[in-house]
Amino acid sequence: MPPEPLPGFDPLIHAPYRLRICAIAHAATYVEFGELQTRLELSKSALSKHVSQLLEHGYLEEEYVTRAGRSRLRLSLTERGRQAYRGHTAALRAIIETAEHDTIHPDVVQ
């Protein structure tokens, strides 16, 4: 029988780019789409796919603003997204701590 999933572990957030998007958004009030694209080194279409999934689950919210005559997309984590991100990072820490404490010998894992 497979082990029960850890409380808080979120497969949606766990994908590496979505995890990074959440981490960046968690550290700020908002982040512009262009800034995410630069920091993650993703194409617009690839980043849009990840952002869309987070928007669909209510983890991100979007806002269009005009700055210097240009329309920009700002993204921020919703409260639901912040809770999911915090729960997921806590689950990851629990996985790491359990593995470190349960290891009998550093070179041998049973």
C-alpha atoms as a PDB file:
ATOM      1  CA  MET A   1       0.000   0.000   0.000  1.00  0.00           C
ATOM      2  CA  PRO A   2       1.466   3.406  -0.931  1.00  0.00           C
ATOM      3  CA  PRO A   3       2.188   5.792   1.919  1.00  0.00           C
ATOM      4  CA  GLU A   4      -0.326   8.511   2.682  1.00  0.00           C
ATOM      5  CA  PRO A   5       0.572  11.884   1.190  1.00  0.00           C
ATOM      6  CA  LEU A   6       1.968  14.394   3.618  1.00  0.00           C
ATOM      7  CA  PRO A   7      -0.440  17.025   4.885  1.00  0.00           C
ATOM      8  CA  GLY A   8       0.164  20.230   2.959  1.00  0.00           C
ATOM      9  CA  PHE A   9       2.015  18.621   0.054  1.00  0.00           C
ATOM     10  CA  ASP A  10       0.601  20.218  -3.099  1.00  0.00           C
ATOM     11  CA  PRO A  11       1.362  18.505  -6.433  1.00  0.00           C
ATOM     12  CA  LEU A  12       0.310  21.629  -8.342  1.00  0.00           C
ATOM     13  CA  ILE A  13       2.888  23.793  -6.598  1.00  0.00           C
ATOM     14  CA  HIS A  14       5.518  21.043  -6.571  1.00  0.00           C
ATOM     15  CA  ALA A  15       6.368  21.392 -10.281  1.00  0.00           C
ATOM     16  CA  PRO A  16       9.722  23.242 -10.269  1.00  0.00           C
ATOM     17  CA  TYR A  17       8.684  26.356 -12.197  1.00  0.00           C
ATOM     18  CA  ARG A  18       5.390  26.720 -10.332  1.00  0.00           C
ATOM     19  CA  LEU A  19       7.253  26.322  -7.044  1.00  0.00           C
ATOM     20  CA  ARG A  20       9.641  29.082  -8.103  1.00  0.00           C
ATOM     21  CA  ILE A  21       6.749  31.321  -9.214  1.00  0.00           C
ATOM     22  CA  CYS A  22       5.097  30.870  -5.815  1.00  0.00           C
ATOM     23  CA  ALA A  23       8.366  31.500  -3.967  1.00  0.00           C
ATOM     24  CA  ILE A  24       8.976  34.737  -5.858  1.00  0.00           C
ATOM     25  CA  ALA A  25       5.373  35.896  -5.430  1.00  0.00           C
ATOM     26  CA  HIS A  26       5.392  34.946  -1.737  1.00  0.00           C
ATOM     27  CA  ALA A  27       8.386  37.205  -1.133  1.00  0.00           C
ATOM     28  CA  ALA A  28       6.693  40.279  -2.640  1.00  0.00           C
ATOM     29  CA  THR A  29       3.382  42.094  -2.801  1.00  0.00           C
ATOM     30  CA  TYR A  30       3.290  41.428  -6.557  1.00  0.00           C
ATOM     31  CA  VAL A  31       5.604  40.476  -9.406  1.00  0.00           C
ATOM     32  CA  GLU A  32       5.346  41.516 -13.029  1.00  0.00           C
ATOM     33  CA  PHE A  33       5.023  38.826 -15.684  1.00  0.00           C
ATOM     34  CA  GLY A  34       8.103  40.179 -17.497  1.00  0.00           C
ATOM     35  CA  GLU A  35      10.178  39.970 -14.315  1.00  0.00           C
ATOM     36  CA  LEU A  36       9.135  36.346 -13.804  1.00  0.00           C
ATOM     37  CA  GLN A  37       9.988  35.571 -17.407  1.00  0.00           C
ATOM     38  CA  THR A  38      13.465  37.061 -16.973  1.00  0.00           C
ATOM     39  CA  ARG A  39      14.176  35.389 -13.620  1.00  0.00           C
ATOM     40  CA  LEU A  40      12.895  31.957 -14.691  1.00  0.00           C
ATOM     41  CA  GLU A  41      14.324  32.182 -18.227  1.00  0.00           C
ATOM     42  CA  LEU A  42      11.081  30.848 -19.717  1.00  0.00           C
ATOM     43  CA  SER A  43       9.318  31.694 -22.956  1.00  0.00           C
ATOM     44  CA  LYS A  44       6.094  33.683 -22.676  1.00  0.00           C
ATOM     45  CA  SER A  45       4.040  30.647 -23.665  1.00  0.00           C
ATOM     46  CA  ALA A  46       5.696  28.317 -21.131  1.00  0.00           C
ATOM     47  CA  LEU A  47       5.341  30.853 -18.323  1.00  0.00           C
ATOM     48  CA  SER A  48       1.733  31.549 -19.342  1.00  0.00           C
ATOM     49  CA  LYS A  49       0.919  27.853 -19.012  1.00  0.00           C
ATOM     50  CA  HIS A  50       2.266  27.693 -15.452  1.00  0.00           C
ATOM     51  CA  VAL A  51       0.619  30.977 -14.470  1.00  0.00           C
ATOM     52  CA  SER A  52      -2.713  29.829 -15.936  1.00  0.00           C
ATOM     53  CA  GLN A  53      -2.694  26.692 -13.816  1.00  0.00           C
ATOM     54  CA  LEU A  54      -2.029  28.709 -10.654  1.00  0.00           C
ATOM     55  CA  LEU A  55      -4.757  31.202 -11.618  1.00  0.00           C
ATOM     56  CA  GLU A  56      -7.270  28.406 -12.285  1.00  0.00           C
ATOM     57  CA  HIS A  57      -6.716  26.970  -8.807  1.00  0.00           C
ATOM     58  CA  GLY A  58      -7.083  30.365  -7.166  1.00  0.00           C
ATOM     59  CA  TYR A  59      -3.445  30.548  -6.062  1.00  0.00           C
ATOM     60  CA  LEU A  60      -2.588  33.655  -8.099  1.00  0.00           C
ATOM     61  CA  GLU A  61      -4.511  36.751  -9.038  1.00  0.00           C
ATOM     62  CA  GLU A  62      -3.706  39.033 -11.928  1.00  0.00           C
ATOM     63  CA  GLU A  63      -3.980  42.750 -12.412  1.00  0.00           C
ATOM     64  CA  TYR A  64      -3.248  44.774 -15.527  1.00  0.00           C
ATOM     65  CA  VAL A  65      -1.653  48.158 -14.882  1.00  0.00           C
ATOM     66  CA  THR A  66      -0.357  50.859 -17.184  1.00  0.00           C
ATOM     67  CA  ARG A  67       3.101  52.164 -16.507  1.00  0.00           C
ATOM     68  CA  ALA A  68       5.075  54.460 -18.791  1.00  0.00           C
ATOM     69  CA  GLY A  69       2.353  54.064 -21.403  1.00  0.00           C
ATOM     70  CA  ARG A  70       2.625  50.265 -21.457  1.00  0.00           C
ATOM     71  CA  SER A  71       0.230  47.680 -20.118  1.00  0.00           C
ATOM     72  CA  ARG A  72       1.856  45.293 -17.670  1.00  0.00           C
ATOM     73  CA  LEU A  73       0.562  42.166 -15.990  1.00  0.00           C
ATOM     74  CA  ARG A  74       1.132  42.003 -12.258  1.00  0.00           C
ATOM     75  CA  LEU A  75       0.673  38.753 -10.376  1.00  0.00           C
ATOM     76  CA  SER A  76       0.271  38.165  -6.678  1.00  0.00           C
ATOM     77  CA  LEU A  77      -0.471  35.200  -4.462  1.00  0.00           C
ATOM     78  CA  THR A  78      -3.975  35.043  -3.083  1.00  0.00           C
ATOM     79  CA  GLU A  79      -4.490  34.128   0.559  1.00  0.00           C
ATOM     80  CA  ARG A  80      -5.334  30.613  -0.633  1.00  0.00           C
ATOM     81  CA  GLY A  81      -2.085  30.575  -2.624  1.00  0.00           C
ATOM     82  CA  ARG A  82      -0.055  31.773   0.375  1.00  0.00           C
ATOM     83  CA  GLN A  83      -1.549  29.068   2.574  1.00  0.00           C
ATOM     84  CA  ALA A  84      -0.904  26.392  -0.069  1.00  0.00           C
ATOM     85  CA  TYR A  85       2.690  27.577  -0.550  1.00  0.00           C
ATOM     86  CA  ARG A  86       3.385  27.635   3.199  1.00  0.00           C
ATOM     87  CA  GLY A  87       1.817  24.178   3.605  1.00  0.00           C
ATOM     88  CA  HIS A  88       3.836  22.800   0.711  1.00  0.00           C
ATOM     89  CA  THR A  89       7.152  24.180   1.966  1.00  0.00           C
ATOM     90  CA  ALA A  90       6.375  22.795   5.447  1.00  0.00           C
ATOM     91  CA  ALA A  91       5.702  19.370   3.892  1.00  0.00           C
ATOM     92  CA  LEU A  92       9.010  19.530   1.999  1.00  0.00           C
ATOM     93  CA  ARG A  93      10.858  20.421   5.208  1.00  0.00           C
ATOM     94  CA  ALA A  94       9.160  17.481   6.961  1.00  0.00           C
ATOM     95  CA  ILE A  95      10.282  15.122   4.177  1.00  0.00           C
ATOM     96  CA  ILE A  96      13.876  16.332   4.465  1.00  0.00           C
ATOM     97  CA  GLU A  97      13.935  16.269   8.270  1.00  0.00           C
ATOM     98  CA  THR A  98      12.418  12.780   8.389  1.00  0.00           C
ATOM     99  CA  ALA A  99      14.968  11.463   5.912  1.00  0.00           C
ATOM    100  CA  GLU A 100      17.848  13.044   7.835  1.00  0.00           C
ATOM    101  CA  HIS A 101      16.652  11.712  11.212  1.00  0.00           C
ATOM    102  CA  ASP A 102      15.676   8.231  10.001  1.00  0.00           C
ATOM    103  CA  THR A 103      18.969   7.468   8.299  1.00  0.00           C
ATOM    104  CA  ILE A 104      20.759   4.780  10.306  1.00  0.00           C
ATOM    105  CA  HIS A 105      24.086   5.231   8.589  1.00  0.00           C
ATOM    106  CA  PRO A 106      24.849   8.103   6.225  1.00  0.00           C
ATOM    107  CA  ASP A 107      26.120   5.759   3.506  1.00  0.00           C
ATOM    108  CA  VAL A 108      23.388   3.103   3.752  1.00  0.00           C
ATOM    109  CA  VAL A 109      19.672   3.631   3.455  1.00  0.00           C
ATOM    110  CA  GLN A 110      17.512   0.542   3.905  1.00  0.00           C
END
